[in-house]
Protein backbone atom coordinates (compact mmCIF):
# COMPACT_ATOMS: atom_id res chain seq x y z
CA MET A 1 23.92 -100.79 34.78
CA ILE A 2 23.67 -102.04 31.09
CA LYS A 3 24.40 -105.32 32.12
CA ARG A 4 22.04 -105.56 34.86
CA LEU A 5 19.45 -103.72 33.74
CA PRO A 6 17.03 -105.58 31.47
CA LEU A 7 16.35 -103.23 28.78
CA HIS A 8 15.50 -106.05 26.47
CA ILE A 9 12.29 -106.62 27.88
CA PHE A 10 11.07 -103.25 26.71
CA LEU A 11 12.99 -103.26 23.40
CA VAL A 12 11.88 -106.79 22.50
CA SER A 13 8.33 -105.74 23.21
CA VAL A 14 8.24 -102.91 20.97
CA PHE A 15 9.99 -104.79 18.09
CA PRO A 16 7.30 -106.64 16.55
CA SER A 17 5.01 -103.37 16.13
CA LEU A 18 7.87 -101.31 14.72
CA ALA A 19 9.10 -104.16 12.42
CA LEU A 20 5.52 -104.72 11.15
CA LEU A 21 5.08 -100.97 10.49
CA SER A 22 8.52 -100.51 8.89
CA ASN A 23 7.60 -103.53 6.36
CA ASN A 24 4.45 -101.67 5.57
CA LEU A 25 5.65 -98.03 5.18
CA GLY A 26 3.25 -96.42 2.73
CA GLN A 27 0.60 -98.84 3.11
CA THR A 28 -0.43 -97.45 6.23
CA ARG A 29 -0.22 -94.35 8.45
CA LEU A 30 2.18 -94.19 11.31
CA SER A 31 -0.58 -93.60 14.11
CA VAL A 32 -1.97 -97.26 13.75
CA VAL A 33 1.19 -98.22 15.63
CA HIS A 34 0.24 -96.79 18.94
CA ARG A 35 -2.27 -99.39 20.33
CA PRO A 36 -0.16 -102.53 19.36
CA LEU A 37 2.82 -100.80 20.90
CA ILE A 38 0.81 -100.10 24.20
CA VAL A 39 -0.35 -103.64 24.23
CA SER A 40 2.91 -105.19 23.74
CA ILE A 41 4.51 -103.44 26.53
CA LEU A 42 1.59 -104.21 28.75
CA ILE A 43 2.09 -107.98 27.67
CA GLY A 44 5.80 -107.74 28.37
CA LEU A 45 5.29 -106.31 31.96
CA LEU A 46 2.55 -108.90 32.70
CA LEU A 47 4.83 -111.65 31.61
CA PHE A 48 7.43 -110.37 33.78
CA LEU A 49 5.37 -110.07 36.91
CA ILE A 50 4.19 -113.81 36.29
CA ALA A 51 8.03 -114.60 36.10
CA ARG A 52 8.94 -112.85 39.35
CA LEU A 53 6.29 -114.89 41.06
CA PHE A 54 7.95 -118.18 40.39
CA VAL A 55 11.65 -117.34 39.61
CA LYS A 56 13.60 -115.55 42.62
CA ASN A 57 16.30 -114.59 40.31
CA TRP A 58 15.04 -111.51 38.71
CA GLY A 59 17.70 -111.55 36.04
CA LYS A 60 16.55 -115.09 34.82
CA ALA A 61 13.07 -113.80 35.18
CA SER A 62 13.67 -111.09 32.62
CA LEU A 63 15.46 -113.59 30.25
CA TRP A 64 12.52 -115.79 30.37
CA THR A 65 10.19 -112.95 29.68
CA SER A 66 11.79 -111.76 26.60
CA PHE A 67 11.95 -115.36 25.31
CA SER A 68 8.36 -115.91 26.01
CA ILE A 69 7.63 -112.25 24.13
CA LEU A 70 9.39 -113.65 21.14
CA MET A 71 7.66 -116.99 21.22
CA PHE A 72 4.40 -115.12 21.26
CA PHE A 73 4.87 -112.55 18.89
CA SER A 74 6.64 -114.90 16.15
CA TYR A 75 4.19 -117.78 15.86
CA GLY A 76 1.99 -116.28 13.46
CA HIS A 77 4.69 -115.11 11.05
CA ILE A 78 6.26 -118.71 11.28
CA TYR A 79 2.94 -120.31 10.48
CA GLN A 80 2.64 -118.03 7.50
CA VAL A 81 6.04 -119.30 6.21
CA VAL A 82 5.16 -123.13 6.57
CA GLU A 83 1.61 -122.97 6.02
CA ASP A 84 1.74 -124.42 2.26
CA ILE A 85 5.12 -126.39 2.72
CA GLN A 86 4.70 -130.04 1.86
CA ILE A 87 7.13 -132.84 2.53
CA PHE A 88 6.73 -136.02 0.32
CA GLY A 89 3.13 -134.99 -0.16
CA PHE A 90 2.69 -134.48 3.75
CA LEU A 91 1.31 -130.89 4.50
CA ILE A 92 3.19 -129.83 7.69
CA GLY A 93 1.82 -126.43 7.67
CA ARG A 94 -0.84 -127.22 10.36
CA HIS A 95 -1.61 -125.65 13.60
CA ARG A 96 -1.72 -129.04 15.14
CA TYR A 97 1.85 -129.62 14.35
CA LEU A 98 3.32 -126.36 14.72
CA ILE A 99 1.54 -125.81 18.15
CA LEU A 100 3.25 -128.89 19.36
CA ILE A 101 6.59 -127.98 18.27
CA TRP A 102 6.07 -124.43 19.76
CA VAL A 103 5.11 -125.75 23.12
CA THR A 104 8.27 -128.24 23.02
CA LEU A 105 10.42 -125.36 22.22
CA PHE A 106 8.98 -123.11 24.98
CA PHE A 107 9.42 -125.75 27.58
CA VAL A 108 13.04 -126.58 26.32
CA GLY A 109 13.80 -122.82 26.26
CA THR A 110 12.41 -122.30 29.77
CA LEU A 111 14.52 -125.21 31.23
CA PHE A 112 17.53 -123.88 29.54
CA ILE A 113 17.23 -120.27 30.84
CA LEU A 114 16.44 -121.61 34.52
CA ARG A 115 18.97 -124.31 34.90
CA ARG A 116 21.66 -123.71 32.39
CA ILE A 117 22.56 -119.96 32.23
CA LYS A 118 24.84 -118.81 34.95
CA GLU A 119 26.31 -115.64 33.59
CA VAL A 120 22.81 -113.80 33.57
CA ASP A 121 24.70 -110.31 33.46
CA GLU A 122 26.54 -111.24 30.21
CA VAL A 123 23.45 -112.64 28.75
CA THR A 124 21.65 -109.48 29.55
CA LEU A 125 24.34 -107.51 28.13
CA ILE A 126 24.18 -109.08 24.83
CA LEU A 127 20.37 -109.19 24.65
CA ASN A 128 20.46 -105.47 25.35
CA LEU A 129 22.69 -104.55 22.64
CA ILE A 130 21.21 -106.99 19.99
CA SER A 131 17.54 -105.66 20.90
CA LEU A 132 18.92 -102.10 20.98
CA ILE A 133 20.45 -102.43 17.40
CA LEU A 134 17.19 -103.98 16.03
CA ILE A 135 15.22 -101.06 17.41
CA VAL A 136 17.59 -98.44 15.86
CA PHE A 137 17.35 -100.02 12.55
CA GLN A 138 13.65 -100.04 12.45
CA LEU A 139 13.33 -96.53 13.78
CA GLY A 140 16.03 -95.48 11.23
CA GLN A 141 13.88 -97.02 8.42
CA ILE A 142 10.82 -95.23 9.63
CA ALA A 143 12.72 -91.86 9.74
CA PHE A 144 14.32 -92.44 6.37
CA TYR A 145 10.71 -93.06 4.90
CA GLN A 146 9.38 -89.87 6.39
CA ILE A 147 12.13 -87.86 5.04
CA ARG A 148 11.72 -89.19 1.62
CA LYS A 149 7.91 -88.83 1.99
CA ASN A 150 8.37 -85.15 2.92
CA VAL A 151 10.89 -84.69 -0.32
CA SER A 152 8.46 -86.34 -2.75
CA LYS A 153 5.67 -84.27 -1.30
CA ARG A 154 7.43 -81.04 -1.97
CA MET A 155 8.28 -82.07 -5.48
CA ALA A 156 4.57 -83.02 -5.98
CA GLU A 157 3.03 -79.85 -4.70
CA THR A 158 4.55 -78.06 -7.64
CA ALA A 159 2.56 -80.13 -9.98
CA VAL A 160 -0.73 -79.22 -8.47
CA SER A 161 -1.28 -75.59 -9.78
CA ASP A 162 -4.20 -73.40 -9.75
CA SER A 163 -6.70 -74.16 -12.43
CA VAL A 164 -9.51 -71.56 -12.92
CA LEU A 165 -12.82 -73.17 -14.30
CA ILE A 166 -15.51 -71.20 -16.02
CA PRO A 167 -18.75 -73.39 -15.67
CA GLU A 168 -21.71 -72.83 -18.26
CA LYS A 169 -23.99 -72.06 -15.55
CA PRO A 170 -22.38 -70.82 -12.24
CA ASP A 171 -25.68 -70.98 -10.27
CA ASN A 172 -26.74 -74.42 -11.50
CA LEU A 173 -23.86 -76.75 -11.33
CA PRO A 174 -23.99 -80.40 -11.99
CA ASP A 175 -22.61 -83.17 -9.62
CA VAL A 176 -19.76 -84.90 -10.99
CA TYR A 177 -19.07 -88.64 -10.00
CA LEU A 178 -15.73 -90.50 -10.49
CA ILE A 179 -16.80 -94.11 -9.83
CA VAL A 180 -13.43 -96.35 -9.99
CA LEU A 181 -14.23 -100.21 -10.24
CA ASP A 182 -10.85 -101.44 -9.46
CA MET A 183 -9.40 -103.68 -12.08
CA TYR A 184 -12.55 -103.79 -14.30
CA GLY A 185 -11.28 -104.61 -17.67
CA ARG A 186 -12.48 -103.95 -21.24
CA GLU A 187 -15.03 -106.07 -22.87
CA ASP A 188 -12.67 -107.77 -25.20
CA ALA A 189 -10.35 -108.58 -22.29
CA LEU A 190 -12.92 -109.97 -20.03
CA LYS A 191 -13.89 -112.46 -23.18
CA VAL A 192 -10.27 -113.31 -23.44
CA HIS A 193 -8.92 -113.86 -19.88
CA TYR A 194 -12.05 -114.65 -18.04
CA ASN A 195 -14.59 -115.92 -20.61
CA TYR A 196 -16.93 -113.44 -19.31
CA ASP A 197 -19.60 -111.64 -21.45
CA ASN A 198 -20.53 -108.28 -19.91
CA SER A 199 -22.26 -106.94 -23.16
CA GLU A 200 -25.69 -106.78 -21.35
CA PHE A 201 -23.97 -104.64 -18.60
CA LEU A 202 -22.70 -102.28 -21.37
CA SER A 203 -26.12 -102.26 -23.20
CA HIS A 204 -27.89 -101.11 -19.97
CA LEU A 205 -25.03 -98.28 -19.47
CA GLN A 206 -25.64 -96.95 -23.06
CA GLY A 207 -29.53 -97.29 -22.26
CA LEU A 208 -29.04 -94.95 -19.52
CA GLY A 209 -27.16 -92.47 -21.86
CA PHE A 210 -23.47 -93.56 -21.27
CA TYR A 211 -20.69 -93.42 -23.97
CA VAL A 212 -18.85 -96.67 -23.76
CA ALA A 213 -15.35 -96.46 -24.95
CA ASP A 214 -14.71 -99.75 -26.83
CA CYS A 215 -11.17 -99.47 -27.06
CA ALA A 216 -10.44 -97.50 -23.81
CA ARG A 217 -7.11 -97.83 -21.99
CA SER A 218 -5.47 -96.69 -18.81
CA ASN A 219 -2.24 -94.85 -18.91
CA TYR A 220 -0.44 -96.96 -16.44
CA ALA A 221 -0.76 -100.42 -15.38
CA VAL A 222 -1.11 -99.96 -11.55
CA THR A 223 -3.75 -97.96 -9.58
CA VAL A 224 -1.64 -95.23 -7.99
CA LEU A 225 0.01 -94.04 -10.84
CA SER A 226 -3.02 -94.37 -13.11
CA LEU A 227 -5.19 -92.16 -10.98
CA ALA A 228 -2.29 -89.62 -10.26
CA SER A 229 -1.98 -88.88 -13.98
CA GLN A 230 -5.80 -89.01 -14.51
CA LEU A 231 -6.50 -86.48 -11.61
CA ASN A 232 -3.82 -84.20 -12.74
CA LEU A 233 -4.34 -84.14 -16.33
CA ASP A 234 -1.07 -85.23 -17.58
CA TYR A 235 1.55 -88.07 -17.69
CA LEU A 236 3.63 -88.50 -14.83
CA ASP A 237 7.05 -87.64 -16.30
CA VAL A 238 5.61 -84.14 -16.99
CA LEU A 239 4.14 -83.87 -13.58
CA LEU A 240 6.97 -85.32 -11.41
CA GLU A 241 10.94 -85.55 -11.28
CA THR A 242 10.65 -88.75 -9.12
CA VAL A 243 7.91 -91.05 -9.46
CA ASP A 244 7.31 -93.09 -6.16
CA LEU A 245 4.44 -93.98 -3.72
CA GLU A 246 4.87 -90.56 -1.99
CA SER A 247 4.66 -88.33 -4.67
CA THR A 248 1.98 -90.20 -6.61
CA SER A 249 -0.26 -90.73 -3.56
CA TYR A 250 0.15 -86.74 -2.83
CA LEU A 251 -1.24 -86.06 -6.40
CA ILE A 252 -4.21 -88.35 -5.75
CA LYS A 253 -4.62 -86.66 -2.41
CA TYR A 254 -4.30 -83.05 -3.45
CA SER A 255 -5.21 -83.19 -7.18
CA LYS A 256 -5.59 -80.68 -9.74
CA VAL A 257 -9.21 -81.81 -10.49
CA ARG A 258 -10.31 -81.79 -6.84
CA LYS A 259 -8.61 -78.45 -6.29
CA ALA A 260 -10.44 -77.10 -9.47
CA PHE A 261 -13.73 -78.03 -8.25
CA GLU A 262 -13.55 -76.86 -4.81
CA GLU A 263 -12.25 -73.45 -6.09
CA ILE A 264 -15.80 -73.04 -7.72
CA GLY A 265 -17.67 -74.22 -4.78
CA TYR A 266 -18.09 -78.10 -5.09
CA THR A 267 -18.06 -80.09 -1.96
CA SER A 268 -15.45 -82.84 -2.45
CA ILE A 269 -16.64 -86.34 -1.14
CA ALA A 270 -14.39 -89.25 -0.65
CA PHE A 271 -14.50 -92.75 1.02
CA LYS A 272 -11.94 -94.61 3.21
CA THR A 273 -10.41 -97.64 1.33
CA TYR A 274 -7.72 -99.98 3.13
CA TYR A 275 -4.88 -98.24 1.38
CA SER A 276 -3.83 -95.07 3.09
CA TRP A 277 -2.16 -93.76 -0.15
CA LEU A 278 -5.57 -94.02 -2.03
CA ASN A 279 -7.31 -92.17 0.90
CA VAL A 280 -8.40 -88.61 0.16
CA ASP A 281 -9.06 -88.26 3.77
CA ASP A 282 -9.18 -84.42 3.85
CA SER A 283 -12.13 -84.21 1.69
CA GLU A 284 -14.81 -81.85 2.91
CA ILE A 285 -16.96 -85.12 3.37
CA TYR A 286 -14.99 -88.31 4.23
CA ILE A 287 -16.82 -91.33 4.91
CA ASP A 288 -14.99 -93.87 6.81
CA LYS A 289 -17.37 -95.37 9.28
CA PRO A 290 -18.29 -99.07 8.72
CA TYR A 291 -21.70 -100.46 9.85
CA ASN A 292 -20.21 -102.64 12.61
CA PRO A 293 -19.41 -100.21 15.66
CA PHE A 294 -16.70 -102.32 16.84
CA LEU A 295 -15.16 -102.74 13.27
CA SER A 296 -14.06 -98.99 13.12
CA ASN A 297 -12.13 -99.51 16.36
CA ILE A 298 -9.79 -102.13 14.63
CA ASP A 299 -7.44 -101.24 11.87
CA PRO A 300 -6.11 -103.47 9.36
CA PHE A 301 -2.79 -102.94 10.55
CA GLU A 302 -3.89 -104.22 14.03
CA LYS A 303 -5.57 -107.26 12.54
CA LEU A 304 -2.20 -107.86 10.65
CA PHE A 305 -0.47 -107.51 13.98
CA ILE A 306 -2.59 -110.07 15.89
CA GLU A 307 -2.40 -112.50 13.12
CA GLY A 308 1.55 -112.64 13.64
CA THR A 309 1.03 -113.89 17.33
CA ALA A 310 0.23 -116.97 18.89
CA LEU A 311 -3.45 -116.05 19.00
CA ARG A 312 -3.30 -117.03 15.41
CA PRO A 313 -4.84 -120.68 15.88
CA PHE A 314 -7.92 -119.27 17.77
CA PHE A 315 -9.04 -116.88 15.06
CA ASP A 316 -8.34 -119.32 12.26
CA TYR A 317 -10.44 -121.85 14.39
CA TYR A 318 -13.24 -119.54 14.64
CA ILE A 319 -13.04 -118.45 10.93
CA SER A 320 -13.29 -122.18 10.03
CA LEU A 321 -16.76 -122.13 12.14
CA GLY A 322 -18.27 -119.33 10.21
CA PHE A 323 -16.59 -116.69 12.62
CA GLY A 324 -20.05 -115.74 14.27
CA GLU A 325 -18.77 -115.99 17.71
CA ILE A 326 -16.41 -112.95 17.72
CA GLU A 327 -18.53 -109.98 16.44
CA TRP A 328 -15.64 -107.59 16.96
CA PHE A 329 -13.00 -109.24 14.71
CA ASP A 330 -14.30 -109.71 11.06
CA THR A 331 -12.32 -111.46 8.45
CA PHE A 332 -10.46 -109.36 5.83
CA TYR A 333 -13.22 -110.51 3.35
CA GLU A 334 -15.96 -109.34 5.65
CA MET A 335 -14.22 -105.95 6.06
CA LYS A 336 -13.75 -105.60 2.36
CA ALA A 337 -17.48 -106.40 1.87
CA GLN A 338 -18.68 -103.80 4.49
CA ARG A 339 -16.55 -101.15 2.82
CA ILE A 340 -18.09 -101.75 -0.65
CA ARG A 341 -21.38 -101.92 0.86
CA ILE A 342 -20.97 -98.52 2.52
CA ILE A 343 -19.89 -96.85 -0.80
CA LEU A 344 -22.82 -98.43 -2.53
CA ASP A 345 -25.49 -97.21 -0.12
CA HIS A 346 -24.05 -93.74 0.23
CA LEU A 347 -24.01 -93.37 -3.67
CA TRP A 348 -27.78 -93.95 -3.59
CA SER A 349 -28.25 -91.00 -1.05
CA PHE A 350 -26.11 -88.24 -2.83
CA PRO A 351 -28.64 -86.92 -5.31
CA GLN A 352 -30.75 -85.51 -2.15
CA MET A 353 -27.81 -83.64 -0.86
CA ASP A 354 -27.91 -79.78 -1.45
CA GLY A 355 -25.16 -78.21 -3.60
CA PRO A 356 -22.71 -79.30 -6.18
CA LYS A 357 -20.53 -82.35 -5.43
CA PHE A 358 -17.50 -83.89 -6.65
CA VAL A 359 -17.76 -87.54 -5.62
CA TYR A 360 -14.88 -89.87 -5.63
CA ALA A 361 -15.76 -93.49 -5.02
CA HIS A 362 -13.23 -96.19 -5.41
CA ILE A 363 -14.82 -99.58 -5.27
CA MET A 364 -12.29 -102.55 -4.97
CA VAL A 365 -14.40 -104.85 -7.28
CA PRO A 366 -13.51 -107.11 -9.18
CA HIS A 367 -9.90 -106.66 -7.66
CA PRO A 368 -9.16 -109.77 -5.74
CA PRO A 369 -9.61 -111.17 -3.29
CA HIS A 370 -13.23 -112.13 -4.40
CA VAL A 371 -15.55 -111.34 -1.66
CA PHE A 372 -19.04 -111.71 -2.78
CA ASN A 373 -21.31 -114.60 -3.59
CA ARG A 374 -24.00 -114.03 -6.37
CA ASP A 375 -26.45 -112.88 -3.84
CA GLY A 376 -24.16 -110.51 -2.11
CA THR A 377 -23.28 -112.71 0.99
CA VAL A 378 -19.73 -112.83 1.88
CA ASN A 379 -17.67 -115.71 0.40
CA LEU A 380 -16.01 -116.80 3.62
CA GLU A 381 -14.41 -119.75 1.87
CA ASN A 382 -12.74 -117.52 -0.79
CA ASP A 383 -10.45 -119.17 -3.12
CA LYS A 384 -10.68 -122.61 -1.50
CA TYR A 385 -13.37 -124.28 -3.56
CA ARG A 386 -13.88 -122.19 -6.75
CA SER A 387 -11.41 -121.13 -9.27
CA ASP A 388 -10.47 -117.55 -9.93
CA LYS A 389 -12.08 -117.26 -13.02
CA ILE A 390 -15.39 -118.31 -11.72
CA GLU A 391 -15.14 -116.32 -8.68
CA PHE A 392 -14.29 -113.19 -10.83
CA GLN A 393 -17.44 -113.84 -12.89
CA ILE A 394 -19.47 -114.16 -9.68
CA GLN A 395 -18.07 -110.80 -8.45
CA LEU A 396 -19.34 -109.21 -11.58
CA ASP A 397 -22.78 -110.90 -11.73
CA TYR A 398 -23.21 -109.48 -8.24
CA MET A 399 -21.83 -106.10 -8.90
CA ASN A 400 -23.07 -105.06 -12.37
CA PRO A 401 -26.99 -104.94 -11.56
CA GLN A 402 -26.07 -102.83 -8.37
CA ILE A 403 -23.89 -100.42 -10.35
CA ILE A 404 -26.87 -100.03 -13.31
CA GLU A 405 -29.35 -99.40 -10.37
CA ILE A 406 -27.23 -96.70 -8.44
CA LEU A 407 -26.51 -94.94 -11.79
CA ARG A 408 -30.17 -94.85 -12.80
CA ASN A 409 -31.04 -93.59 -9.20
CA ILE A 410 -28.42 -90.78 -9.52
CA ILE A 411 -29.28 -89.74 -13.25
CA GLU A 412 -33.19 -89.90 -12.35
CA ASN A 413 -33.03 -87.81 -9.04
CA SER A 414 -30.22 -85.34 -9.62
CA ASP A 415 -31.15 -81.68 -10.78
CA PRO A 416 -29.30 -80.62 -12.93
CA GLU A 417 -28.31 -83.83 -14.70
CA PRO A 418 -25.04 -85.24 -13.34
CA ILE A 419 -21.68 -85.94 -15.02
CA ILE A 420 -20.68 -89.53 -14.23
CA ILE A 421 -17.30 -91.19 -15.19
CA LEU A 422 -17.58 -95.01 -14.53
CA GLU A 423 -13.99 -96.53 -15.02
CA GLY A 424 -11.50 -99.29 -14.24
CA ASP A 425 -8.31 -97.71 -13.15
CA HIS A 426 -6.18 -100.59 -14.97
CA GLY A 427 -7.14 -103.75 -16.44
CA LEU A 428 -6.58 -107.39 -15.52
CA PHE A 429 -3.35 -109.33 -16.24
CA GLU A 430 -0.57 -109.67 -18.68
CA PHE A 431 -1.32 -108.15 -22.19
CA GLU A 432 -4.60 -106.81 -21.18
CA ARG A 433 -3.32 -105.02 -18.16
CA THR A 434 -4.06 -101.53 -19.64
CA THR A 435 -7.52 -102.27 -21.33
CA ILE A 436 -10.14 -100.88 -19.20
CA LEU A 437 -14.09 -99.95 -18.74
CA ASN A 438 -14.34 -96.45 -19.70
CA ALA A 439 -18.11 -95.27 -19.62
CA LEU A 440 -19.01 -91.48 -19.67
CA TYR A 441 -22.06 -89.72 -18.95
CA PHE A 442 -21.87 -86.27 -20.48
CA PRO A 443 -25.38 -84.87 -20.42
CA ASN A 444 -26.51 -82.72 -23.33
CA ARG A 445 -23.48 -83.40 -25.39
CA ASP A 446 -23.00 -84.99 -28.91
CA VAL A 447 -21.62 -88.36 -29.05
CA GLU A 448 -18.95 -86.85 -31.49
CA ILE A 449 -16.93 -85.58 -28.79
CA PHE A 450 -15.73 -88.91 -27.73
CA TYR A 451 -13.78 -91.62 -29.61
CA PRO A 452 -13.24 -95.31 -28.81
CA GLN A 453 -9.37 -94.98 -27.82
CA ILE A 454 -9.92 -92.23 -25.16
CA SER A 455 -7.64 -92.92 -22.20
CA LEU A 456 -7.84 -91.73 -18.42
CA VAL A 457 -5.43 -88.78 -18.80
CA ASN A 458 -7.80 -86.95 -21.41
CA THR A 459 -11.14 -87.70 -19.33
CA PHE A 460 -11.22 -84.67 -17.14
CA ARG A 461 -9.69 -82.58 -20.04
CA LEU A 462 -12.51 -83.34 -22.30
CA LEU A 463 -14.94 -82.83 -19.14
CA PHE A 464 -13.50 -79.41 -18.35
CA ASN A 465 -13.44 -78.18 -22.02
CA GLU A 466 -17.10 -79.28 -22.39
CA TYR A 467 -18.57 -77.87 -19.15
CA PHE A 468 -16.12 -75.56 -17.74
CA GLY A 469 -14.74 -73.10 -20.26
CA THR A 470 -11.38 -74.55 -20.44
CA ASP A 471 -9.31 -74.99 -23.56
CA PHE A 472 -7.06 -78.21 -22.68
CA PRO A 473 -5.57 -79.70 -25.74
CA LEU A 474 -6.37 -83.71 -25.87
CA LEU A 475 -3.09 -85.56 -25.23
CA GLU A 476 -1.76 -88.58 -27.32
CA ASP A 477 -3.37 -91.74 -25.66
CA TYR A 478 -0.22 -93.69 -24.42
CA SER A 479 -0.10 -96.66 -22.09
CA TYR A 480 2.60 -97.60 -20.03
CA MET A 481 3.59 -101.12 -18.17
CA ARG A 482 5.48 -101.50 -15.18
CA SER A 483 9.14 -102.52 -15.57
CA GLN A 484 11.04 -105.31 -13.70
CA ASN A 485 8.07 -105.88 -11.03
CA ASN A 486 8.46 -102.33 -9.58
CA ASP A 487 5.06 -100.53 -9.58
CA TYR A 488 6.80 -97.05 -9.60
CA LYS A 489 9.02 -97.59 -12.60
CA TYR A 490 7.39 -98.10 -15.94
CA ASN A 491 8.65 -99.04 -19.19
CA PRO A 492 9.56 -95.82 -21.35
CA ASN A 493 8.05 -97.28 -24.37
CA PRO A 494 4.24 -97.26 -24.63
CA HIS A 495 2.34 -100.47 -24.21
CA GLU A 496 0.98 -101.55 -27.87
CA GLU A 497 -2.55 -102.10 -28.32
CA TRP A 498 -3.13 -106.14 -28.32
CA ASN A 499 -6.53 -105.98 -30.15
CA PRO A 500 -6.07 -105.17 -33.99
CA ALA A 501 -9.76 -103.77 -33.95
CA CYS A 502 -8.56 -101.10 -31.55
CA ILE A 503 -5.61 -99.83 -33.42
CA PRO A 504 -6.55 -96.38 -34.91
């Protein structure tokens, strides 16, 4: 049975989806694999039906089907590998060359299967066993990840304890906004690394009543560690036994800060990002619908899946034309721009909502890829014709005025006055990696409560102490860099301040 039954058709069909999922564990949810799996199986069945119309030997038809599936689902991945390869100055990574090679291989493989393979049962057995081993390996990786995720989750649960807040005015609670501009560096770091002067932006913030911490730093050099620490008011070595993606993403989703606000009647509001570990998707209000009604039906995982197939040349061609012909398939840059616009638009409307709100808005700017032109249109060329530093400057030239007007609207139209935290979750690159924007709007509080070196771990400690009757001691402001290019392992020694003017 195992020699004659072509199980490999089904196994080879589902392998691309499972392999892509296992390589993106933690970056996406497991449910996104359903549609790619179904589409892959249908493509396999369709190819087998086509083969049976022309090949009388159903064993050879099944071999040709699996071969065709592999050719179809591997093209985009091979292209990604050879895209930038040059030989003696000649760029070989072009669709025109790879398609020719692919078509040649397809016809040669087809002829070999139809004319040269005699022991069909033996080949079927080998393919069945190889494809079965590959599938079991992928499923094992997924299962191991889920087990490890559950263990990390249980450890993280103990870090999120009850935190009873005693607000100043229980019947008139202020809205609280946490607005994160991903990778927004400190003023001195922007000048050093990008030759960018954002003093006008900071002056506008101060004019609105913000305290801008001139020497602010993040406590960690990557987003997930930085926010997990901040939203739980402590350093990770205190909160967790094991620091990994699962435990830290749990701390973001079920944070002590969010829980404390919800306990006293706040409505939690969050937005969808393209990183599943960053999404607080069970907030009381979770905003995930983009403008384009078709876009919500296509997940980034599915886009990545499609780009790995032989459809890649067609989508690249349409992108080169401006991508107006296929409305349902936006580029990643257009998707990112849509997400950012959704957040900006909703931030305008929140002051009109009744009841106290804790709003967490994570905006992926100025973090690359840089998607905006100065007028707010999408930069489809992206990195091809402008240097990274110029594109970075353009992002802030567009975003800074947007943020100022949004903040002005929130402050002027909120009653009572809101509490606003505007920050970078980490800084730029190299030695400035932990130097960040940190601007705090604490109404009716004296500026003496702040200090220039305040780090993110102390932000909510200070906020809770000032407005909600707690007595959290402020922690030492330490910053840690990741070690050995592993985001979840950080150097045990604090990262030193690089600017002498900021050393206390």
